[in-house]
Amino acid sequence: MDIEILFLTITIFVLAIFVGFELITKVPPTLHTPLMSGANAISGITIVGALLQIPNAQPTTANILAFIALILATINVIGGFMVTDKMLAMFKKKK
């Protein structure tokens, strides 16, 4: 890979980290649940992409990263659904 392309890719990644951090910290508390739902949807896309990559026979770096992405995205989706369910339970009328 050309060093200029690598530098550009790393620069975009670092800028995405800063922009993402700034956006997340500016979200008011009332929007956290919808934002979590969006993050769960993105993690679902990550799971599908990882499942499509893993069946390749060779244990390449892409397969290893896909497996790690699959684990982390699954944890994120399950945790997100658990927190969302707990938050929605707060709004149910008590019997």
C-alpha atoms as a PDB file:
ATOM      1  CA  MET A   1       0.000   0.000   0.000  1.00  0.00           C
ATOM      2  CA  ASP A   2       1.290   3.437  -0.851  1.00  0.00           C
ATOM      3  CA  ILE A   3       2.411   5.493   2.173  1.00  0.00           C
ATOM      4  CA  GLU A   4       0.263   8.459   1.094  1.00  0.00           C
ATOM      5  CA  ILE A   5      -2.883   6.341   0.992  1.00  0.00           C
ATOM      6  CA  LEU A   6      -2.020   4.853   4.389  1.00  0.00           C
ATOM      7  CA  PHE A   7      -1.482   8.335   5.850  1.00  0.00           C
ATOM      8  CA  LEU A   8      -4.773   9.550   4.358  1.00  0.00           C
ATOM      9  CA  THR A   9      -6.627   6.532   5.748  1.00  0.00           C
ATOM     10  CA  ILE A  10      -5.194   7.035   9.239  1.00  0.00           C
ATOM     11  CA  THR A  11      -5.984  10.758   9.083  1.00  0.00           C
ATOM     12  CA  ILE A  12      -9.616  10.086   8.154  1.00  0.00           C
ATOM     13  CA  PHE A  13      -9.880   7.495  10.935  1.00  0.00           C
ATOM     14  CA  VAL A  14      -8.512   9.904  13.561  1.00  0.00           C
ATOM     15  CA  LEU A  15     -10.810  12.704  12.363  1.00  0.00           C
ATOM     16  CA  ALA A  16     -13.784  10.318  12.521  1.00  0.00           C
ATOM     17  CA  ILE A  17     -12.881   9.510  16.136  1.00  0.00           C
ATOM     18  CA  PHE A  18     -12.819  13.198  17.094  1.00  0.00           C
ATOM     19  CA  VAL A  19     -16.039  14.041  15.230  1.00  0.00           C
ATOM     20  CA  GLY A  20     -17.808  11.003  16.694  1.00  0.00           C
ATOM     21  CA  PHE A  21     -16.709  11.889  20.218  1.00  0.00           C
ATOM     22  CA  GLU A  22     -17.888  15.475  19.827  1.00  0.00           C
ATOM     23  CA  LEU A  23     -21.251  14.379  18.437  1.00  0.00           C
ATOM     24  CA  ILE A  24     -21.883  11.809  21.157  1.00  0.00           C
ATOM     25  CA  THR A  25     -20.979  14.164  24.009  1.00  0.00           C
ATOM     26  CA  LYS A  26     -23.381  16.822  22.659  1.00  0.00           C
ATOM     27  CA  VAL A  27     -26.427  14.526  22.601  1.00  0.00           C
ATOM     28  CA  PRO A  28     -29.010  15.454  25.250  1.00  0.00           C
ATOM     29  CA  PRO A  29     -30.112  12.680  27.635  1.00  0.00           C
ATOM     30  CA  THR A  30     -33.589  12.476  26.051  1.00  0.00           C
ATOM     31  CA  LEU A  31     -32.056  11.288  22.791  1.00  0.00           C
ATOM     32  CA  HIS A  32     -29.785   8.584  24.215  1.00  0.00           C
ATOM     33  CA  THR A  33     -32.281   5.753  23.635  1.00  0.00           C
ATOM     34  CA  PRO A  34     -32.904   6.591  19.936  1.00  0.00           C
ATOM     35  CA  LEU A  35     -29.163   7.021  19.457  1.00  0.00           C
ATOM     36  CA  MET A  36     -28.595   3.601  21.032  1.00  0.00           C
ATOM     37  CA  SER A  37     -31.124   2.104  18.630  1.00  0.00           C
ATOM     38  CA  GLY A  38     -29.174   3.574  15.737  1.00  0.00           C
ATOM     39  CA  ALA A  39     -25.942   2.167  17.145  1.00  0.00           C
ATOM     40  CA  ASN A  40     -27.606  -1.239  17.427  1.00  0.00           C
ATOM     41  CA  ALA A  41     -28.613  -1.047  13.770  1.00  0.00           C
ATOM     42  CA  ILE A  42     -25.043  -0.215  12.759  1.00  0.00           C
ATOM     43  CA  SER A  43     -23.770  -3.085  14.907  1.00  0.00           C
ATOM     44  CA  GLY A  44     -26.260  -5.372  13.185  1.00  0.00           C
ATOM     45  CA  ILE A  45     -24.745  -4.379   9.839  1.00  0.00           C
ATOM     46  CA  THR A  46     -21.297  -5.114  11.294  1.00  0.00           C
ATOM     47  CA  ILE A  47     -22.487  -8.572  12.349  1.00  0.00           C
ATOM     48  CA  VAL A  48     -23.787  -9.322   8.848  1.00  0.00           C
ATOM     49  CA  GLY A  49     -20.527  -8.140   7.265  1.00  0.00           C
ATOM     50  CA  ALA A  50     -18.444 -10.210   9.676  1.00  0.00           C
ATOM     51  CA  LEU A  51     -20.549 -13.301   9.042  1.00  0.00           C
ATOM     52  CA  LEU A  52     -20.034 -12.854   5.309  1.00  0.00           C
ATOM     53  CA  GLN A  53     -16.250 -12.542   5.734  1.00  0.00           C
ATOM     54  CA  ILE A  54     -15.568 -15.363   8.223  1.00  0.00           C
ATOM     55  CA  PRO A  55     -16.396 -18.393   5.993  1.00  0.00           C
ATOM     56  CA  ASN A  56     -13.293 -17.814   3.853  1.00  0.00           C
ATOM     57  CA  ALA A  57     -10.966 -20.795   4.316  1.00  0.00           C
ATOM     58  CA  GLN A  58      -7.670 -19.000   4.915  1.00  0.00           C
ATOM     59  CA  PRO A  59      -7.045 -17.557   8.398  1.00  0.00           C
ATOM     60  CA  THR A  60      -6.160 -14.096   7.122  1.00  0.00           C
ATOM     61  CA  THR A  61      -5.988 -10.847   9.026  1.00  0.00           C
ATOM     62  CA  ALA A  62      -9.398  -9.915   7.597  1.00  0.00           C
ATOM     63  CA  ASN A  63     -10.943 -13.094   9.022  1.00  0.00           C
ATOM     64  CA  ILE A  64      -9.406 -12.495  12.434  1.00  0.00           C
ATOM     65  CA  LEU A  65     -10.645  -8.895  12.455  1.00  0.00           C
ATOM     66  CA  ALA A  66     -14.078 -10.063  11.270  1.00  0.00           C
ATOM     67  CA  PHE A  67     -14.260 -12.519  14.169  1.00  0.00           C
ATOM     68  CA  ILE A  68     -13.298  -9.804  16.666  1.00  0.00           C
ATOM     69  CA  ALA A  69     -15.846  -7.434  15.081  1.00  0.00           C
ATOM     70  CA  LEU A  70     -18.494 -10.147  15.322  1.00  0.00           C
ATOM     71  CA  ILE A  71     -17.861 -10.641  19.038  1.00  0.00           C
ATOM     72  CA  LEU A  72     -17.783  -6.926  19.876  1.00  0.00           C
ATOM     73  CA  ALA A  73     -20.828  -6.068  17.754  1.00  0.00           C
ATOM     74  CA  THR A  74     -22.807  -8.925  19.302  1.00  0.00           C
ATOM     75  CA  ILE A  75     -21.941  -7.682  22.795  1.00  0.00           C
ATOM     76  CA  ASN A  76     -23.007  -4.179  21.755  1.00  0.00           C
ATOM     77  CA  VAL A  77     -26.334  -5.337  20.316  1.00  0.00           C
ATOM     78  CA  ILE A  78     -27.214  -7.506  23.319  1.00  0.00           C
ATOM     79  CA  GLY A  79     -26.178  -4.822  25.805  1.00  0.00           C
ATOM     80  CA  GLY A  80     -28.071  -2.175  23.866  1.00  0.00           C
ATOM     81  CA  PHE A  81     -31.248  -4.214  23.843  1.00  0.00           C
ATOM     82  CA  MET A  82     -30.914  -4.924  27.561  1.00  0.00           C
ATOM     83  CA  VAL A  83     -30.466  -1.237  28.414  1.00  0.00           C
ATOM     84  CA  THR A  84     -33.284  -0.183  26.072  1.00  0.00           C
ATOM     85  CA  ASP A  85     -35.613  -2.766  27.617  1.00  0.00           C
ATOM     86  CA  LYS A  86     -34.714  -1.549  31.104  1.00  0.00           C
ATOM     87  CA  MET A  87     -35.342   2.065  30.119  1.00  0.00           C
ATOM     88  CA  LEU A  88     -38.687   1.235  28.502  1.00  0.00           C
ATOM     89  CA  ALA A  89     -39.707  -0.699  31.616  1.00  0.00           C
ATOM     90  CA  MET A  90     -39.373   2.536  33.583  1.00  0.00           C
ATOM     91  CA  PHE A  91     -42.253   4.020  31.573  1.00  0.00           C
ATOM     92  CA  LYS A  92     -44.660   1.109  32.062  1.00  0.00           C
ATOM     93  CA  LYS A  93     -47.449   1.605  34.543  1.00  0.00           C
ATOM     94  CA  LYS A  94     -46.973  -0.300  37.761  1.00  0.00           C
ATOM     95  CA  LYS A  95     -49.649  -2.839  38.644  1.00  0.00           C
END
